[in-house]
Amino acid sequence: LSRLIDDLLDVGRIQVGKSLGIVLKDEELSCLIKKAVESVAREGTPHDIIIDHKNALPETVCIDGTRITQVFNNLLHNAIRYSPEGGTIKVQTISDVDRVTVSIIDQGIGMTPQELEKIFDKFYRASDSKHSSGGFGLGMVIVKQIIEDHGGEVFVSSAIGDGTTVSFTLPVQQLV
């Protein structure tokens, strides 16, 4: 209930054009990823979650660790909700001089092009009845705003039966 109230407050701020109030500080992104995966695993998920760094992440990235953890939790829970039991979910990172790209890749049910068009709409949820429990259709709206508040972008690709990949970018910058 507390999470739902927090999500509704966040969506209210987004609707009136306000930032979600990120507080930037240098954080170890690899540590945040590891903690988010461990947290989800402690909840007893029947999925394998693999972390795959395509190349070394910067030592620190200037982000709001609490909000980026919220992004990871939301995306991991979505991947679990729409993936077959025992499936593999991959958290993949790729970095270059200017940005880090993080992708959450699942082997789930996937989405139609029409569903993809609505993914960032408030209260929208994929229509598959087998996966109707959980979620209120607010998470992706919040994820998008958090990433945009950081100066990044969110991309979603999916196909029915082929799973979904949600990727987001974060600029590489350090506090001076």
Protein backbone atom coordinates (compact mmCIF):
# COMPACT_ATOMS: atom_id res chain seq x y z
CA LEU A 1 0.00 0.00 0.00
CA SER A 2 2.86 2.34 0.86
CA ARG A 3 4.52 1.66 -2.51
CA LEU A 4 1.25 2.34 -4.33
CA ILE A 5 0.83 5.66 -2.52
CA ASP A 6 4.42 6.64 -3.33
CA ASP A 7 3.86 5.70 -6.98
CA LEU A 8 0.64 7.74 -7.13
CA LEU A 9 2.43 10.75 -5.62
CA ASP A 10 5.22 10.37 -8.19
CA VAL A 11 2.71 10.17 -11.04
CA GLY A 12 0.96 13.27 -9.68
CA ARG A 13 4.27 15.17 -9.77
CA ILE A 14 4.88 13.98 -13.33
CA GLN A 15 1.39 15.09 -14.42
CA VAL A 16 1.97 18.65 -13.25
CA GLY A 17 5.36 18.74 -14.96
CA LYS A 18 7.55 18.51 -11.86
CA SER A 19 10.77 16.58 -11.52
CA LEU A 20 10.77 13.68 -9.11
CA GLY A 21 13.44 15.44 -7.09
CA ILE A 22 16.57 13.47 -7.84
CA VAL A 23 19.61 14.05 -5.65
CA LEU A 24 22.81 13.38 -7.55
CA LYS A 25 25.91 11.92 -5.98
CA ASP A 26 28.68 9.64 -7.13
CA GLU A 27 27.49 6.03 -6.87
CA GLU A 28 28.92 2.67 -7.89
CA LEU A 29 26.41 1.53 -10.50
CA SER A 30 27.72 -2.04 -10.46
CA CYS A 31 27.04 -2.18 -6.72
CA LEU A 32 23.47 -0.88 -7.17
CA ILE A 33 22.79 -3.48 -9.85
CA LYS A 34 24.14 -6.28 -7.69
CA LYS A 35 22.09 -5.18 -4.66
CA ALA A 36 18.88 -4.90 -6.73
CA VAL A 37 19.38 -8.40 -8.16
CA GLU A 38 20.12 -9.81 -4.70
CA SER A 39 17.03 -8.09 -3.27
CA VAL A 40 14.78 -9.61 -5.93
CA ALA A 41 16.42 -13.02 -5.47
CA ARG A 42 15.71 -12.87 -1.71
CA GLU A 43 12.01 -12.54 -2.56
CA GLY A 44 12.20 -16.11 -3.82
CA THR A 45 11.94 -15.61 -7.58
CA PRO A 46 12.05 -18.87 -9.56
CA HIS A 47 14.15 -17.16 -12.24
CA ASP A 48 17.88 -17.03 -12.89
CA ILE A 49 19.05 -13.42 -13.02
CA ILE A 50 22.40 -12.93 -14.70
CA ILE A 51 24.48 -9.76 -14.63
CA ASP A 52 26.54 -9.28 -17.79
CA HIS A 53 28.93 -6.32 -18.08
CA LYS A 54 29.98 -6.11 -21.75
CA ASN A 55 32.85 -3.85 -20.72
CA ALA A 56 33.98 -2.27 -17.48
CA LEU A 57 31.62 0.25 -15.92
CA PRO A 58 33.00 3.57 -14.76
CA GLU A 59 34.08 3.42 -11.12
CA THR A 60 31.30 5.85 -10.21
CA VAL A 61 28.42 7.53 -12.00
CA CYS A 62 26.67 10.69 -10.79
CA ILE A 63 23.11 9.48 -10.13
CA ASP A 64 20.40 9.36 -7.50
CA GLY A 65 21.04 5.87 -6.14
CA THR A 66 17.63 5.57 -4.52
CA ARG A 67 15.76 6.48 -7.70
CA ILE A 68 17.94 4.27 -9.93
CA THR A 69 17.36 1.39 -7.51
CA GLN A 70 13.63 2.08 -7.93
CA VAL A 71 14.12 1.75 -11.71
CA PHE A 72 15.95 -1.58 -11.32
CA ASN A 73 13.34 -2.96 -8.95
CA ASN A 74 10.50 -1.98 -11.25
CA LEU A 75 12.11 -3.40 -14.39
CA LEU A 76 13.22 -6.62 -12.70
CA HIS A 77 9.75 -7.21 -11.23
CA ASN A 78 8.18 -6.60 -14.66
CA ALA A 79 10.58 -9.06 -16.28
CA ILE A 80 9.77 -11.68 -13.64
CA ARG A 81 6.02 -11.09 -13.87
CA TYR A 82 5.93 -11.69 -17.64
CA SER A 83 8.54 -14.48 -17.90
CA PRO A 84 7.97 -18.21 -17.62
CA GLU A 85 8.92 -19.75 -14.29
CA GLY A 86 12.56 -20.81 -14.32
CA GLY A 87 13.41 -18.47 -17.20
CA THR A 88 16.55 -16.36 -17.38
CA ILE A 89 16.58 -12.61 -17.01
CA LYS A 90 19.73 -10.75 -18.00
CA VAL A 91 20.90 -7.38 -16.71
CA GLN A 92 23.39 -6.19 -19.31
CA THR A 93 25.54 -3.07 -19.23
CA ILE A 94 27.56 -1.43 -21.97
CA SER A 95 29.50 1.74 -21.34
CA ASP A 96 31.51 4.22 -23.31
CA VAL A 97 33.09 7.57 -22.51
CA ASP A 98 29.80 9.48 -22.45
CA ARG A 99 27.14 7.07 -21.19
CA VAL A 100 26.20 3.76 -19.69
CA THR A 101 23.42 1.69 -21.25
CA VAL A 102 21.65 -0.80 -19.01
CA SER A 103 19.30 -3.41 -20.46
CA ILE A 104 16.91 -5.76 -18.68
CA ILE A 105 16.33 -8.65 -21.07
CA ASP A 106 13.68 -11.30 -20.44
CA GLN A 107 12.44 -14.40 -22.25
CA GLY A 108 8.83 -13.62 -21.48
CA ILE A 109 5.61 -13.41 -23.41
CA GLY A 110 6.55 -10.24 -25.26
CA MET A 111 4.28 -7.45 -26.47
CA THR A 112 2.50 -6.50 -29.66
CA PRO A 113 3.41 -3.27 -31.47
CA GLN A 114 0.13 -1.80 -30.16
CA GLU A 115 1.08 -2.63 -26.57
CA LEU A 116 4.54 -1.13 -27.09
CA GLU A 117 2.94 2.16 -28.15
CA LYS A 118 1.14 2.36 -24.78
CA ILE A 119 3.94 1.15 -22.51
CA PHE A 120 4.52 4.61 -21.00
CA ASP A 121 0.82 5.45 -20.53
CA LYS A 122 -0.47 5.78 -16.97
CA PHE A 123 -2.36 2.73 -15.70
CA TYR A 124 -1.56 0.73 -18.85
CA ARG A 125 -0.76 -2.95 -18.37
CA ALA A 126 -0.16 -5.64 -20.95
CA SER A 127 -3.40 -7.48 -21.61
CA ASP A 128 -2.32 -11.11 -21.16
CA SER A 129 -4.80 -12.54 -18.66
CA LYS A 130 -2.37 -15.15 -17.29
CA HIS A 131 -0.26 -12.32 -15.92
CA SER A 132 -2.98 -10.01 -14.66
CA SER A 133 -1.96 -10.08 -10.99
CA GLY A 134 0.32 -7.43 -9.57
CA GLY A 135 1.20 -4.00 -10.79
CA PHE A 136 -0.92 -0.94 -11.32
CA GLY A 137 0.42 0.32 -14.63
CA LEU A 138 2.41 3.16 -13.05
CA GLY A 139 5.93 1.75 -13.04
CA MET A 140 7.00 2.47 -16.60
CA VAL A 141 5.74 6.07 -16.38
CA ILE A 142 7.89 6.55 -13.28
CA VAL A 143 10.89 4.74 -14.80
CA LYS A 144 10.80 7.01 -17.84
CA GLN A 145 10.63 10.17 -15.72
CA ILE A 146 13.48 9.09 -13.42
CA ILE A 147 15.73 8.31 -16.39
CA GLU A 148 14.82 11.56 -18.16
CA ASP A 149 15.48 13.51 -14.93
CA HIS A 150 18.99 12.00 -15.07
CA GLY A 151 19.45 13.16 -18.69
CA GLY A 152 19.00 9.67 -20.10
CA GLU A 153 16.54 7.86 -22.37
CA VAL A 154 14.46 4.67 -22.17
CA PHE A 155 13.93 2.25 -25.07
CA VAL A 156 11.70 -0.82 -25.22
CA SER A 157 11.80 -3.57 -27.83
CA SER A 158 9.60 -6.64 -27.80
CA ALA A 159 7.87 -9.24 -29.91
CA ILE A 160 5.21 -11.77 -28.98
CA GLY A 161 6.90 -14.95 -27.77
CA ASP A 162 10.39 -13.44 -27.94
CA GLY A 163 10.50 -11.52 -24.67
CA THR A 164 11.12 -7.88 -23.96
CA THR A 165 14.21 -5.73 -23.61
CA VAL A 166 14.01 -2.47 -21.69
CA SER A 167 17.15 -0.36 -22.02
CA PHE A 168 18.02 2.98 -20.50
CA THR A 169 20.97 5.28 -20.73
CA LEU A 170 22.66 7.33 -18.05
CA PRO A 171 25.24 10.00 -18.76
CA VAL A 172 28.69 9.35 -17.34
CA GLN A 173 29.54 12.30 -15.19
CA GLN A 174 31.11 12.78 -11.82
CA LEU A 175 30.54 15.42 -9.20
CA VAL A 176 33.34 17.94 -9.12
